[in-house]
Amino acid sequence: MTNKSKTLYIGVTNNLLRRVNEHKEKLVEGFTKKYNITKLVYFETTPDINSAIKREKQLKNWYRKWKINLIESVNKNWNDLAESWFNNKDAETSSA
């Protein structure tokens, strides 16, 4: 699948670990569940909620190509940056 066909999602949270888990486990109805958005390929931190919301609005108004360039400037292969954040369920069951 090319990057041109990938669905992109931009959001704001005060707890990235919790929010990524909600997306991966499809715990919340909405866009990410509908389009199976489970990979974290880019994130930014901000000093406060107001600057986070401002940045979210800015990015949502960008052209798709600009967003892809931003992601690829730090994550050329679109790796899941949160892949190691959660327990591997297969490893848990195999070691039990």
N, C-alpha and C. Protein backbone atom coordinates (compact mmCIF):
# COMPACT_ATOMS: atom_id res chain seq x y z
N MET A 1 0.85 -1.17 0.00
CA MET A 1 0.00 0.00 0.00
C MET A 1 0.90 1.24 0.00
N THR A 2 0.61 2.15 -0.88
CA THR A 2 1.40 3.37 -0.93
C THR A 2 0.90 4.36 0.11
N ASN A 3 1.74 5.33 0.42
CA ASN A 3 1.34 6.35 1.38
C ASN A 3 0.16 7.17 0.87
N LYS A 4 0.00 7.23 -0.45
CA LYS A 4 -1.11 7.99 -1.02
C LYS A 4 -2.46 7.36 -0.68
N SER A 5 -2.47 6.06 -0.41
CA SER A 5 -3.73 5.39 -0.12
C SER A 5 -3.97 5.21 1.37
N LYS A 6 -3.05 5.63 2.21
CA LYS A 6 -3.22 5.49 3.65
C LYS A 6 -4.13 6.59 4.18
N THR A 7 -5.00 6.22 5.10
CA THR A 7 -5.86 7.19 5.75
C THR A 7 -5.09 7.83 6.90
N LEU A 8 -5.14 9.14 6.98
CA LEU A 8 -4.44 9.87 8.03
C LEU A 8 -5.45 10.39 9.04
N TYR A 9 -5.05 10.38 10.30
CA TYR A 9 -5.88 10.90 11.38
C TYR A 9 -5.03 11.84 12.23
N ILE A 10 -5.58 12.98 12.55
CA ILE A 10 -4.90 13.95 13.41
C ILE A 10 -5.81 14.20 14.60
N GLY A 11 -5.25 14.13 15.80
CA GLY A 11 -6.05 14.36 16.99
C GLY A 11 -5.21 14.93 18.12
N VAL A 12 -5.87 15.30 19.18
CA VAL A 12 -5.25 15.87 20.37
C VAL A 12 -5.61 15.00 21.57
N THR A 13 -4.66 14.80 22.46
CA THR A 13 -4.93 14.06 23.69
C THR A 13 -4.01 14.57 24.79
N ASN A 14 -4.42 14.36 26.02
CA ASN A 14 -3.54 14.68 27.15
C ASN A 14 -2.85 13.42 27.67
N ASN A 15 -3.12 12.28 27.01
CA ASN A 15 -2.50 11.02 27.43
C ASN A 15 -2.32 10.15 26.18
N LEU A 16 -1.16 10.26 25.55
CA LEU A 16 -0.91 9.58 24.28
C LEU A 16 -0.96 8.06 24.42
N LEU A 17 -0.39 7.53 25.47
CA LEU A 17 -0.39 6.09 25.69
C LEU A 17 -1.82 5.54 25.75
N ARG A 18 -2.67 6.19 26.55
CA ARG A 18 -4.07 5.77 26.66
C ARG A 18 -4.78 5.86 25.32
N ARG A 19 -4.59 6.97 24.63
CA ARG A 19 -5.30 7.21 23.37
C ARG A 19 -4.88 6.22 22.29
N VAL A 20 -3.58 5.94 22.20
CA VAL A 20 -3.11 4.98 21.21
C VAL A 20 -3.69 3.60 21.51
N ASN A 21 -3.72 3.22 22.78
CA ASN A 21 -4.31 1.94 23.15
C ASN A 21 -5.78 1.88 22.76
N GLU A 22 -6.53 2.96 22.97
CA GLU A 22 -7.94 3.01 22.59
C GLU A 22 -8.10 2.77 21.08
N HIS A 23 -7.20 3.37 20.29
CA HIS A 23 -7.26 3.17 18.84
C HIS A 23 -6.89 1.74 18.45
N LYS A 24 -5.82 1.23 19.04
CA LYS A 24 -5.36 -0.13 18.70
C LYS A 24 -6.40 -1.18 19.08
N GLU A 25 -7.05 -0.99 20.20
CA GLU A 25 -8.05 -1.96 20.68
C GLU A 25 -9.46 -1.66 20.18
N LYS A 26 -9.59 -0.57 19.42
CA LYS A 26 -10.89 -0.15 18.85
C LYS A 26 -11.95 0.01 19.94
N LEU A 27 -11.57 0.71 20.99
CA LEU A 27 -12.44 0.88 22.15
C LEU A 27 -13.41 2.05 22.01
N VAL A 28 -13.15 2.94 21.05
CA VAL A 28 -13.98 4.13 20.90
C VAL A 28 -14.56 4.16 19.49
N GLU A 29 -15.87 4.34 19.41
CA GLU A 29 -16.53 4.46 18.11
C GLU A 29 -16.05 5.73 17.42
N GLY A 30 -16.01 5.70 16.12
CA GLY A 30 -15.66 6.90 15.38
C GLY A 30 -14.75 6.61 14.21
N PHE A 31 -14.10 7.66 13.75
CA PHE A 31 -13.28 7.63 12.55
C PHE A 31 -12.20 6.56 12.59
N THR A 32 -11.45 6.52 13.70
CA THR A 32 -10.32 5.59 13.76
C THR A 32 -10.78 4.13 13.77
N LYS A 33 -11.89 3.86 14.41
CA LYS A 33 -12.41 2.49 14.40
C LYS A 33 -12.95 2.14 13.02
N LYS A 34 -13.69 3.06 12.43
CA LYS A 34 -14.29 2.83 11.10
C LYS A 34 -13.22 2.55 10.05
N TYR A 35 -12.12 3.29 10.10
CA TYR A 35 -11.07 3.17 9.08
C TYR A 35 -9.86 2.35 9.55
N ASN A 36 -10.01 1.69 10.69
CA ASN A 36 -8.96 0.80 11.22
C ASN A 36 -7.62 1.52 11.38
N ILE A 37 -7.65 2.68 12.00
CA ILE A 37 -6.43 3.45 12.24
C ILE A 37 -5.82 2.93 13.54
N THR A 38 -4.70 2.22 13.43
CA THR A 38 -4.09 1.61 14.61
C THR A 38 -2.60 1.91 14.75
N LYS A 39 -1.99 2.54 13.76
CA LYS A 39 -0.56 2.83 13.82
C LYS A 39 -0.31 4.28 14.18
N LEU A 40 0.62 4.50 15.08
CA LEU A 40 1.09 5.85 15.40
C LEU A 40 2.36 6.07 14.59
N VAL A 41 2.30 6.97 13.62
CA VAL A 41 3.46 7.19 12.75
C VAL A 41 4.13 8.53 12.99
N TYR A 42 3.48 9.39 13.78
CA TYR A 42 4.04 10.72 14.06
C TYR A 42 3.31 11.30 15.26
N PHE A 43 4.03 12.02 16.09
CA PHE A 43 3.37 12.77 17.15
C PHE A 43 4.24 13.95 17.55
N GLU A 44 3.61 14.92 18.14
CA GLU A 44 4.29 16.11 18.65
C GLU A 44 3.80 16.34 20.07
N THR A 45 4.63 16.97 20.87
CA THR A 45 4.20 17.42 22.19
C THR A 45 4.17 18.94 22.19
N THR A 46 3.30 19.48 23.01
CA THR A 46 3.16 20.93 23.14
C THR A 46 3.13 21.28 24.62
N PRO A 47 3.41 22.53 24.95
CA PRO A 47 3.46 22.91 26.37
C PRO A 47 2.10 23.01 27.04
N ASP A 48 1.03 23.18 26.26
CA ASP A 48 -0.30 23.33 26.86
C ASP A 48 -1.38 22.97 25.85
N ILE A 49 -2.60 22.82 26.32
CA ILE A 49 -3.72 22.41 25.48
C ILE A 49 -4.03 23.42 24.40
N ASN A 50 -3.90 24.69 24.69
CA ASN A 50 -4.21 25.71 23.68
C ASN A 50 -3.28 25.62 22.48
N SER A 51 -2.00 25.42 22.73
CA SER A 51 -1.07 25.28 21.61
C SER A 51 -1.29 23.96 20.88
N ALA A 52 -1.72 22.93 21.60
CA ALA A 52 -2.01 21.64 20.97
C ALA A 52 -3.20 21.78 20.01
N ILE A 53 -4.23 22.44 20.45
CA ILE A 53 -5.41 22.64 19.60
C ILE A 53 -5.08 23.51 18.40
N LYS A 54 -4.28 24.53 18.62
CA LYS A 54 -3.86 25.40 17.52
C LYS A 54 -3.08 24.60 16.48
N ARG A 55 -2.16 23.75 16.94
CA ARG A 55 -1.36 22.93 16.02
C ARG A 55 -2.24 21.91 15.30
N GLU A 56 -3.18 21.30 16.00
CA GLU A 56 -4.09 20.35 15.38
C GLU A 56 -4.85 21.02 14.24
N LYS A 57 -5.39 22.18 14.48
CA LYS A 57 -6.15 22.90 13.45
C LYS A 57 -5.25 23.25 12.26
N GLN A 58 -4.01 23.65 12.57
CA GLN A 58 -3.06 23.98 11.51
C GLN A 58 -2.80 22.76 10.63
N LEU A 59 -2.50 21.62 11.25
CA LEU A 59 -2.20 20.41 10.49
C LEU A 59 -3.40 19.92 9.70
N LYS A 60 -4.58 20.03 10.26
CA LYS A 60 -5.78 19.59 9.55
C LYS A 60 -6.03 20.42 8.30
N ASN A 61 -5.51 21.63 8.26
CA ASN A 61 -5.67 22.49 7.08
C ASN A 61 -4.55 22.32 6.06
N TRP A 62 -3.56 21.53 6.37
CA TRP A 62 -2.45 21.30 5.44
C TRP A 62 -2.90 20.41 4.30
N TYR A 63 -2.19 20.54 3.17
CA TYR A 63 -2.36 19.60 2.07
C TYR A 63 -1.85 18.23 2.53
N ARG A 64 -2.43 17.19 1.95
CA ARG A 64 -2.03 15.82 2.29
C ARG A 64 -0.53 15.61 2.08
N LYS A 65 0.01 16.13 0.98
CA LYS A 65 1.43 15.96 0.67
C LYS A 65 2.30 16.57 1.78
N TRP A 66 1.90 17.70 2.31
CA TRP A 66 2.67 18.32 3.40
C TRP A 66 2.69 17.41 4.62
N LYS A 67 1.54 16.80 4.93
CA LYS A 67 1.46 15.88 6.07
C LYS A 67 2.36 14.67 5.86
N ILE A 68 2.34 14.13 4.66
CA ILE A 68 3.19 12.98 4.34
C ILE A 68 4.66 13.37 4.47
N ASN A 69 5.02 14.54 3.97
CA ASN A 69 6.41 15.01 4.09
C ASN A 69 6.81 15.17 5.56
N LEU A 70 5.91 15.67 6.38
CA LEU A 70 6.19 15.84 7.81
C LEU A 70 6.44 14.49 8.46
N ILE A 71 5.56 13.53 8.20
CA ILE A 71 5.73 12.18 8.76
C ILE A 71 7.06 11.59 8.30
N GLU A 72 7.32 11.65 7.01
CA GLU A 72 8.52 11.02 6.46
C GLU A 72 9.81 11.74 6.84
N SER A 73 9.70 12.97 7.33
CA SER A 73 10.91 13.67 7.78
C SER A 73 11.49 13.03 9.04
N VAL A 74 10.66 12.30 9.78
CA VAL A 74 11.12 11.62 11.01
C VAL A 74 10.85 10.12 11.00
N ASN A 75 10.02 9.65 10.07
CA ASN A 75 9.63 8.24 10.06
C ASN A 75 9.43 7.80 8.61
N LYS A 76 10.53 7.71 7.88
CA LYS A 76 10.50 7.43 6.45
C LYS A 76 9.73 6.16 6.09
N ASN A 77 9.84 5.13 6.91
CA ASN A 77 9.19 3.85 6.61
C ASN A 77 7.80 3.70 7.22
N TRP A 78 7.30 4.73 7.85
CA TRP A 78 5.98 4.70 8.46
C TRP A 78 5.87 3.59 9.50
N ASN A 79 6.91 3.42 10.27
CA ASN A 79 6.88 2.42 11.34
C ASN A 79 5.88 2.85 12.42
N ASP A 80 5.33 1.87 13.12
CA ASP A 80 4.43 2.15 14.23
C ASP A 80 5.28 2.53 15.43
N LEU A 81 5.27 3.80 15.80
CA LEU A 81 6.11 4.31 16.88
C LEU A 81 5.69 3.77 18.24
N ALA A 82 4.48 3.24 18.34
CA ALA A 82 3.96 2.72 19.61
C ALA A 82 3.99 1.20 19.66
N GLU A 83 4.63 0.58 18.70
CA GLU A 83 4.62 -0.88 18.61
C GLU A 83 5.10 -1.56 19.89
N SER A 84 6.10 -1.01 20.53
CA SER A 84 6.66 -1.64 21.74
C SER A 84 6.06 -1.11 23.04
N TRP A 85 5.06 -0.27 22.96
CA TRP A 85 4.49 0.34 24.15
C TRP A 85 3.58 -0.59 24.94
N PHE A 86 3.09 -1.63 24.31
CA PHE A 86 2.10 -2.49 24.95
C PHE A 86 2.63 -3.90 25.03
N ASN A 87 2.11 -4.65 25.97
CA ASN A 87 2.53 -6.06 26.13
C ASN A 87 2.16 -6.83 24.89
N ASN A 88 3.06 -7.70 24.49
CA ASN A 88 2.80 -8.57 23.36
C ASN A 88 1.93 -9.73 23.86
N LYS A 89 0.69 -9.80 23.42
CA LYS A 89 -0.25 -10.80 23.91
C LYS A 89 0.20 -12.21 23.54
N ASP A 90 0.81 -12.37 22.36
CA ASP A 90 1.30 -13.69 21.96
C ASP A 90 2.41 -14.18 22.90
N ALA A 91 3.30 -13.27 23.28
CA ALA A 91 4.40 -13.63 24.18
C ALA A 91 3.85 -14.01 25.56
N GLU A 92 2.81 -13.31 26.00
CA GLU A 92 2.21 -13.62 27.30
C GLU A 92 1.62 -15.01 27.33
N THR A 93 0.91 -15.38 26.26
CA THR A 93 0.25 -16.69 26.26
C THR A 93 1.26 -17.81 26.05
N SER A 94 2.34 -17.56 25.30
CA SER A 94 3.31 -18.61 25.05
C SER A 94 4.20 -18.87 26.28
N SER A 95 4.33 -17.87 27.15
CA SER A 95 5.18 -18.06 28.32
C SER A 95 4.38 -18.50 29.55
N ALA A 96 3.08 -18.58 29.43
CA ALA A 96 2.25 -18.96 30.58
C ALA A 96 2.25 -20.45 30.81
